[in-house]
Amino acid sequence: MQRIMVLGAALALSGCLRQGTYTSARPLAKGHHEVAVRANGLAAATPDDATGLVQAAVRYRVGLTGDTDLGAGLGTDGLSLTLKHRVHDGPTQVSLAPEVAGLWVDGFRSVLAQVPVLFGWTSAGGHELTLGPRVGVWALGSDGFFGDGDATILTSGLSLGATVLLGHTVRLVPEINVTAPLVNVRGDGETAVNDSLVYLEGGLALVFEFGGSD
């Protein structure tokens, strides 16, 4: 079986998509709005080599209900659409945060669909520690789908982040993330299992919340 070397090529083309969520497990309140500015570094690493890049984006979210918010982002890593829905409320907040993200650059396509599960623990001061295991499917290659040069990759990952309150409406959200490509199914039907490549990510979002009617 071949290694998933196509992933390194995707990263070199800036086709590698951000995997982290840079958000808390707690959804926005109904009618509240959020604007965030994010910068992160992303690296592909094997035991013998590593390469990386820097990404930046802006994101908007709106609270739909007390348990659900909807967001969209745009940046150097493409366009993303996210939904966050709380499935458990208590000392431990638990939310599902499915996301679809995509980037098309000079005939190269990179599309990621992932489902993080966010576990959040809030301190007495309102700060939050967030753990986010996730699974995803990553499709990349030429503009067409399912061509011989395309690849569909199953991924799993884990993120650790925090939400630090700087005031009533401003927050800092640092996060680190590790993602492992597990299985690569090429367009020609060949399958490869990854045994050495991981993606490492770290970044920071500055978040502003405003508005609202409950």
C-alpha atoms as a PDB file:
ATOM      1  CA  MET A   1       0.000   0.000   0.000  1.00  0.00           C
ATOM      2  CA  GLN A   2       1.152   3.533  -0.739  1.00  0.00           C
ATOM      3  CA  ARG A   3       1.389   6.274   1.860  1.00  0.00           C
ATOM      4  CA  ILE A   4      -0.960   9.163   1.592  1.00  0.00           C
ATOM      5  CA  MET A   5       1.656  11.432   0.029  1.00  0.00           C
ATOM      6  CA  VAL A   6      -1.076  13.304  -1.852  1.00  0.00           C
ATOM      7  CA  LEU A   7      -1.839  15.036   1.444  1.00  0.00           C
ATOM      8  CA  GLY A   8       1.558  16.673   1.457  1.00  0.00           C
ATOM      9  CA  ALA A   9       0.931  17.961  -2.042  1.00  0.00           C
ATOM     10  CA  ALA A  10      -2.422  19.341  -0.945  1.00  0.00           C
ATOM     11  CA  LEU A  11      -0.775  21.225   1.903  1.00  0.00           C
ATOM     12  CA  ALA A  12       1.863  22.671  -0.424  1.00  0.00           C
ATOM     13  CA  LEU A  13      -0.975  23.982  -2.632  1.00  0.00           C
ATOM     14  CA  SER A  14      -2.605  25.612   0.410  1.00  0.00           C
ATOM     15  CA  GLY A  15      -5.474  23.183  -0.085  1.00  0.00           C
ATOM     16  CA  CYS A  16      -5.273  21.900   3.460  1.00  0.00           C
ATOM     17  CA  LEU A  17      -8.315  22.876   5.502  1.00  0.00           C
ATOM     18  CA  ARG A  18      -8.433  24.035   9.094  1.00  0.00           C
ATOM     19  CA  GLN A  19      -9.669  21.244  11.376  1.00  0.00           C
ATOM     20  CA  GLY A  20     -10.163  23.122  14.658  1.00  0.00           C
ATOM     21  CA  THR A  21     -13.445  24.714  15.740  1.00  0.00           C
ATOM     22  CA  TYR A  22     -12.232  27.745  17.767  1.00  0.00           C
ATOM     23  CA  THR A  23     -15.486  27.954  19.679  1.00  0.00           C
ATOM     24  CA  SER A  24     -16.962  26.915  22.995  1.00  0.00           C
ATOM     25  CA  ALA A  25     -19.344  24.033  23.585  1.00  0.00           C
ATOM     26  CA  ARG A  26     -22.026  26.531  24.626  1.00  0.00           C
ATOM     27  CA  PRO A  27     -24.167  27.800  21.701  1.00  0.00           C
ATOM     28  CA  LEU A  28     -24.993  31.477  21.303  1.00  0.00           C
ATOM     29  CA  ALA A  29     -28.199  32.632  22.946  1.00  0.00           C
ATOM     30  CA  LYS A  30     -31.172  33.195  20.660  1.00  0.00           C
ATOM     31  CA  GLY A  31     -30.773  36.380  18.654  1.00  0.00           C
ATOM     32  CA  HIS A  32     -27.152  36.954  19.675  1.00  0.00           C
ATOM     33  CA  HIS A  33     -24.500  37.534  17.024  1.00  0.00           C
ATOM     34  CA  GLU A  34     -20.787  36.797  16.966  1.00  0.00           C
ATOM     35  CA  VAL A  35     -17.912  37.973  14.761  1.00  0.00           C
ATOM     36  CA  ALA A  36     -14.513  36.291  15.120  1.00  0.00           C
ATOM     37  CA  VAL A  37     -11.093  36.838  13.580  1.00  0.00           C
ATOM     38  CA  ARG A  38      -8.839  33.757  13.549  1.00  0.00           C
ATOM     39  CA  ALA A  39      -5.205  33.018  12.758  1.00  0.00           C
ATOM     40  CA  ASN A  40      -3.675  29.534  12.947  1.00  0.00           C
ATOM     41  CA  GLY A  41      -0.676  27.510  11.906  1.00  0.00           C
ATOM     42  CA  LEU A  42      -1.081  24.098  10.280  1.00  0.00           C
ATOM     43  CA  ALA A  43       1.662  21.526   9.718  1.00  0.00           C
ATOM     44  CA  ALA A  44       1.841  18.077   8.139  1.00  0.00           C
ATOM     45  CA  ALA A  45       4.416  15.923   9.903  1.00  0.00           C
ATOM     46  CA  THR A  46       5.952  12.474   9.419  1.00  0.00           C
ATOM     47  CA  PRO A  47       8.879  10.957  11.347  1.00  0.00           C
ATOM     48  CA  ASP A  48      11.195  12.217   8.577  1.00  0.00           C
ATOM     49  CA  ASP A  49       9.756  15.532   7.413  1.00  0.00           C
ATOM     50  CA  ALA A  50       7.343  18.369   8.110  1.00  0.00           C
ATOM     51  CA  THR A  51       5.876  21.294   6.208  1.00  0.00           C
ATOM     52  CA  GLY A  52       3.452  23.978   7.237  1.00  0.00           C
ATOM     53  CA  LEU A  53       1.520  27.133   6.463  1.00  0.00           C
ATOM     54  CA  VAL A  54      -0.351  29.968   8.165  1.00  0.00           C
ATOM     55  CA  GLN A  55      -4.066  30.580   7.691  1.00  0.00           C
ATOM     56  CA  ALA A  56      -6.471  33.383   8.609  1.00  0.00           C
ATOM     57  CA  ALA A  57     -10.237  33.822   8.440  1.00  0.00           C
ATOM     58  CA  VAL A  58     -13.259  35.735   9.679  1.00  0.00           C
ATOM     59  CA  ARG A  59     -16.382  34.003  11.014  1.00  0.00           C
ATOM     60  CA  TYR A  60     -19.970  35.037  11.737  1.00  0.00           C
ATOM     61  CA  ARG A  61     -22.446  33.177  13.981  1.00  0.00           C
ATOM     62  CA  VAL A  62     -26.037  33.795  14.973  1.00  0.00           C
ATOM     63  CA  GLY A  63     -28.040  32.159  17.756  1.00  0.00           C
ATOM     64  CA  LEU A  64     -31.154  30.470  16.377  1.00  0.00           C
ATOM     65  CA  THR A  65     -32.498  29.025  19.626  1.00  0.00           C
ATOM     66  CA  GLY A  66     -31.098  28.636  23.095  1.00  0.00           C
ATOM     67  CA  ASP A  67     -29.499  25.370  22.009  1.00  0.00           C
ATOM     68  CA  THR A  68     -28.533  25.959  18.361  1.00  0.00           C
ATOM     69  CA  ASP A  69     -26.434  28.466  16.446  1.00  0.00           C
ATOM     70  CA  LEU A  70     -25.403  28.732  12.797  1.00  0.00           C
ATOM     71  CA  GLY A  71     -22.156  30.102  11.396  1.00  0.00           C
ATOM     72  CA  ALA A  72     -20.180  30.816   8.238  1.00  0.00           C
ATOM     73  CA  GLY A  73     -16.516  31.602   7.720  1.00  0.00           C
ATOM     74  CA  LEU A  74     -14.326  32.892   4.897  1.00  0.00           C
ATOM     75  CA  GLY A  75     -10.553  32.998   4.759  1.00  0.00           C
ATOM     76  CA  THR A  76      -7.359  31.746   3.172  1.00  0.00           C
ATOM     77  CA  ASP A  77      -8.572  28.202   3.916  1.00  0.00           C
ATOM     78  CA  GLY A  78     -11.791  28.695   1.931  1.00  0.00           C
ATOM     79  CA  LEU A  79     -15.453  28.855   2.877  1.00  0.00           C
ATOM     80  CA  SER A  80     -17.044  27.016   5.827  1.00  0.00           C
ATOM     81  CA  LEU A  81     -20.581  26.457   7.099  1.00  0.00           C
ATOM     82  CA  THR A  82     -21.137  25.262  10.657  1.00  0.00           C
ATOM     83  CA  LEU A  83     -24.000  24.292  12.922  1.00  0.00           C
ATOM     84  CA  LYS A  84     -23.689  23.867  16.686  1.00  0.00           C
ATOM     85  CA  HIS A  85     -26.437  22.095  18.630  1.00  0.00           C
ATOM     86  CA  ARG A  86     -26.333  21.421  22.368  1.00  0.00           C
ATOM     87  CA  VAL A  87     -27.379  17.890  23.297  1.00  0.00           C
ATOM     88  CA  HIS A  88     -26.650  18.113  27.042  1.00  0.00           C
ATOM     89  CA  ASP A  89     -26.860  21.070  29.421  1.00  0.00           C
ATOM     90  CA  GLY A  90     -25.273  20.933  32.857  1.00  0.00           C
ATOM     91  CA  PRO A  91     -21.869  21.225  34.514  1.00  0.00           C
ATOM     92  CA  THR A  92     -20.573  19.544  31.358  1.00  0.00           C
ATOM     93  CA  GLN A  93     -21.909  21.111  28.180  1.00  0.00           C
ATOM     94  CA  VAL A  94     -22.054  18.717  25.203  1.00  0.00           C
ATOM     95  CA  SER A  95     -22.696  19.932  21.656  1.00  0.00           C
ATOM     96  CA  LEU A  96     -22.514  18.495  18.165  1.00  0.00           C
ATOM     97  CA  ALA A  97     -20.806  20.886  15.740  1.00  0.00           C
ATOM     98  CA  PRO A  98     -21.032  19.505  12.162  1.00  0.00           C
ATOM     99  CA  GLU A  99     -19.172  21.506   9.538  1.00  0.00           C
ATOM    100  CA  VAL A 100     -18.630  21.549   5.781  1.00  0.00           C
ATOM    101  CA  ALA A 101     -15.653  23.483   4.389  1.00  0.00           C
ATOM    102  CA  GLY A 102     -14.247  23.829   0.911  1.00  0.00           C
ATOM    103  CA  LEU A 103     -11.521  25.462  -1.131  1.00  0.00           C
ATOM    104  CA  TRP A 104     -10.976  25.640  -4.908  1.00  0.00           C
ATOM    105  CA  VAL A 105      -7.589  26.974  -6.071  1.00  0.00           C
ATOM    106  CA  ASP A 106      -6.276  26.844  -9.661  1.00  0.00           C
ATOM    107  CA  GLY A 107      -8.172  23.694 -10.571  1.00  0.00           C
ATOM    108  CA  PHE A 108      -7.519  22.003  -7.230  1.00  0.00           C
ATOM    109  CA  ARG A 109     -10.439  21.053  -4.954  1.00  0.00           C
ATOM    110  CA  SER A 110     -10.386  20.367  -1.229  1.00  0.00           C
ATOM    111  CA  VAL A 111     -13.646  19.641   0.650  1.00  0.00           C
ATOM    112  CA  LEU A 112     -13.959  18.587   4.281  1.00  0.00           C
ATOM    113  CA  ALA A 113     -17.043  17.368   6.158  1.00  0.00           C
ATOM    114  CA  GLN A 114     -16.500  16.710   9.853  1.00  0.00           C
ATOM    115  CA  VAL A 115     -18.496  16.215  13.038  1.00  0.00           C
ATOM    116  CA  PRO A 116     -16.801  17.415  16.226  1.00  0.00           C
ATOM    117  CA  VAL A 117     -18.367  16.591  19.593  1.00  0.00           C
ATOM    118  CA  LEU A 118     -17.600  19.467  21.956  1.00  0.00           C
ATOM    119  CA  PHE A 119     -17.352  18.890  25.716  1.00  0.00           C
ATOM    120  CA  GLY A 120     -17.164  22.124  27.727  1.00  0.00           C
ATOM    121  CA  TRP A 121     -16.473  22.799  31.396  1.00  0.00           C
ATOM    122  CA  THR A 122     -17.126  26.356  32.626  1.00  0.00           C
ATOM    123  CA  SER A 123     -15.301  27.930  35.557  1.00  0.00           C
ATOM    124  CA  ALA A 124     -16.851  30.218  38.144  1.00  0.00           C
ATOM    125  CA  GLY A 125     -15.502  33.198  36.199  1.00  0.00           C
ATOM    126  CA  GLY A 126     -17.230  32.121  32.988  1.00  0.00           C
ATOM    127  CA  HIS A 127     -14.135  30.796  31.209  1.00  0.00           C
ATOM    128  CA  GLU A 128     -14.444  27.434  29.461  1.00  0.00           C
ATOM    129  CA  LEU A 129     -12.154  24.483  28.782  1.00  0.00           C
ATOM    130  CA  THR A 130     -13.269  22.612  25.645  1.00  0.00           C
ATOM    131  CA  LEU A 131     -12.370  19.131  24.431  1.00  0.00           C
ATOM    132  CA  GLY A 132     -13.357  18.199  20.883  1.00  0.00           C
ATOM    133  CA  PRO A 133     -12.979  14.687  19.459  1.00  0.00           C
ATOM    134  CA  ARG A 134     -14.040  14.494  15.808  1.00  0.00           C
ATOM    135  CA  VAL A 135     -14.368  12.323  12.732  1.00  0.00           C
ATOM    136  CA  GLY A 136     -14.363  13.559   9.160  1.00  0.00           C
ATOM    137  CA  VAL A 137     -14.240  12.837   5.439  1.00  0.00           C
ATOM    138  CA  TRP A 138     -11.839  14.835   3.267  1.00  0.00           C
ATOM    139  CA  ALA A 139     -12.087  14.834  -0.537  1.00  0.00           C
ATOM    140  CA  LEU A 140      -9.388  16.431  -2.654  1.00  0.00           C
ATOM    141  CA  GLY A 141      -8.050  16.425  -6.167  1.00  0.00           C
ATOM    142  CA  SER A 142      -8.990  17.971  -9.497  1.00  0.00           C
ATOM    143  CA  ASP A 143     -12.137  19.994 -10.151  1.00  0.00           C
ATOM    144  CA  GLY A 144     -14.113  16.865 -10.991  1.00  0.00           C
ATOM    145  CA  PHE A 145     -15.135  14.300  -8.396  1.00  0.00           C
ATOM    146  CA  PHE A 146     -14.105  10.621  -8.376  1.00  0.00           C
ATOM    147  CA  GLY A 147     -11.376  10.996 -11.026  1.00  0.00           C
ATOM    148  CA  ASP A 148      -8.307   8.776 -11.030  1.00  0.00           C
ATOM    149  CA  GLY A 149      -6.225  11.503  -9.381  1.00  0.00           C
ATOM    150  CA  ASP A 150      -8.748  12.266  -6.646  1.00  0.00           C
ATOM    151  CA  ALA A 151      -8.699  10.953  -3.095  1.00  0.00           C
ATOM    152  CA  THR A 152     -11.250  10.504  -0.307  1.00  0.00           C
ATOM    153  CA  ILE A 153      -9.690  10.351   3.149  1.00  0.00           C
ATOM    154  CA  LEU A 154     -11.245   9.296   6.447  1.00  0.00           C
ATOM    155  CA  THR A 155      -9.856  11.307   9.359  1.00  0.00           C
ATOM    156  CA  SER A 156     -10.085  11.415  13.139  1.00  0.00           C
ATOM    157  CA  GLY A 157      -8.837  14.108  15.469  1.00  0.00           C
ATOM    158  CA  LEU A 158      -8.858  15.700  18.885  1.00  0.00           C
ATOM    159  CA  SER A 159      -8.749  19.367  19.873  1.00  0.00           C
ATOM    160  CA  LEU A 160      -8.181  21.131  23.184  1.00  0.00           C
ATOM    161  CA  GLY A 161      -9.247  24.735  23.510  1.00  0.00           C
ATOM    162  CA  ALA A 162     -10.293  27.411  25.950  1.00  0.00           C
ATOM    163  CA  THR A 163     -12.641  30.386  25.976  1.00  0.00           C
ATOM    164  CA  VAL A 164     -11.151  33.256  27.980  1.00  0.00           C
ATOM    165  CA  LEU A 165     -13.463  36.154  28.800  1.00  0.00           C
ATOM    166  CA  LEU A 166     -11.892  39.584  28.342  1.00  0.00           C
ATOM    167  CA  GLY A 167     -15.128  41.392  29.133  1.00  0.00           C
ATOM    168  CA  HIS A 168     -18.854  40.982  28.690  1.00  0.00           C
ATOM    169  CA  THR A 169     -18.629  40.806  24.892  1.00  0.00           C
ATOM    170  CA  VAL A 170     -15.004  39.953  24.010  1.00  0.00           C
ATOM    171  CA  ARG A 171     -13.342  36.548  24.237  1.00  0.00           C
ATOM    172  CA  LEU A 172     -10.033  34.925  23.314  1.00  0.00           C
ATOM    173  CA  VAL A 173     -10.246  31.323  22.055  1.00  0.00           C
ATOM    174  CA  PRO A 174      -6.905  29.500  21.756  1.00  0.00           C
ATOM    175  CA  GLU A 175      -6.926  25.927  20.454  1.00  0.00           C
ATOM    176  CA  ILE A 176      -4.575  23.098  19.541  1.00  0.00           C
ATOM    177  CA  ASN A 177      -5.579  20.176  17.356  1.00  0.00           C
ATOM    178  CA  VAL A 178      -4.152  16.855  16.166  1.00  0.00           C
ATOM    179  CA  THR A 179      -5.689  15.097  13.151  1.00  0.00           C
ATOM    180  CA  ALA A 180      -4.745  11.712  11.722  1.00  0.00           C
ATOM    181  CA  PRO A 181      -5.676  10.703   8.163  1.00  0.00           C
ATOM    182  CA  LEU A 182      -6.702   7.065   8.573  1.00  0.00           C
ATOM    183  CA  VAL A 183      -7.617   5.566   5.197  1.00  0.00           C
ATOM    184  CA  ASN A 184      -7.168   7.024   1.710  1.00  0.00           C
ATOM    185  CA  VAL A 185      -9.464   5.740  -1.053  1.00  0.00           C
ATOM    186  CA  ARG A 186      -8.209   6.937  -4.439  1.00  0.00           C
ATOM    187  CA  GLY A 187     -10.413   7.623  -7.418  1.00  0.00           C
ATOM    188  CA  ASP A 188      -8.986   4.582  -9.206  1.00  0.00           C
ATOM    189  CA  GLY A 189     -10.128   2.338  -6.336  1.00  0.00           C
ATOM    190  CA  GLU A 190      -6.748   1.863  -4.667  1.00  0.00           C
ATOM    191  CA  THR A 191      -6.796   2.006  -0.865  1.00  0.00           C
ATOM    192  CA  ALA A 192      -3.936   3.102   1.382  1.00  0.00           C
ATOM    193  CA  VAL A 193      -3.657   3.070   5.176  1.00  0.00           C
ATOM    194  CA  ASN A 194      -1.728   5.912   6.783  1.00  0.00           C
ATOM    195  CA  ASP A 195       0.788   4.845   9.425  1.00  0.00           C
ATOM    196  CA  SER A 196       2.900   7.955   9.966  1.00  0.00           C
ATOM    197  CA  LEU A 197       1.359  11.257   8.783  1.00  0.00           C
ATOM    198  CA  VAL A 198      -0.375  13.589  11.245  1.00  0.00           C
ATOM    199  CA  TYR A 199      -1.640  17.140  11.017  1.00  0.00           C
ATOM    200  CA  LEU A 200      -0.790  19.527  13.864  1.00  0.00           C
ATOM    201  CA  GLU A 201      -2.643  22.794  14.309  1.00  0.00           C
ATOM    202  CA  GLY A 202      -2.578  25.663  16.749  1.00  0.00           C
ATOM    203  CA  GLY A 203      -4.297  29.010  16.613  1.00  0.00           C
ATOM    204  CA  LEU A 204      -6.147  31.835  18.279  1.00  0.00           C
ATOM    205  CA  ALA A 205      -9.509  33.513  17.633  1.00  0.00           C
ATOM    206  CA  LEU A 206     -10.593  36.937  18.870  1.00  0.00           C
ATOM    207  CA  VAL A 207     -14.378  36.858  19.293  1.00  0.00           C
ATOM    208  CA  PHE A 208     -16.884  39.705  19.643  1.00  0.00           C
ATOM    209  CA  GLU A 209     -20.492  39.032  20.692  1.00  0.00           C
ATOM    210  CA  PHE A 210     -23.290  41.551  20.367  1.00  0.00           C
ATOM    211  CA  GLY A 211     -27.060  42.046  20.131  1.00  0.00           C
ATOM    212  CA  GLY A 212     -29.622  39.643  21.368  1.00  0.00           C
ATOM    213  CA  SER A 213     -33.219  39.218  22.348  1.00  0.00           C
ATOM    214  CA  ASP A 214     -34.318  36.241  24.424  1.00  0.00           C
END
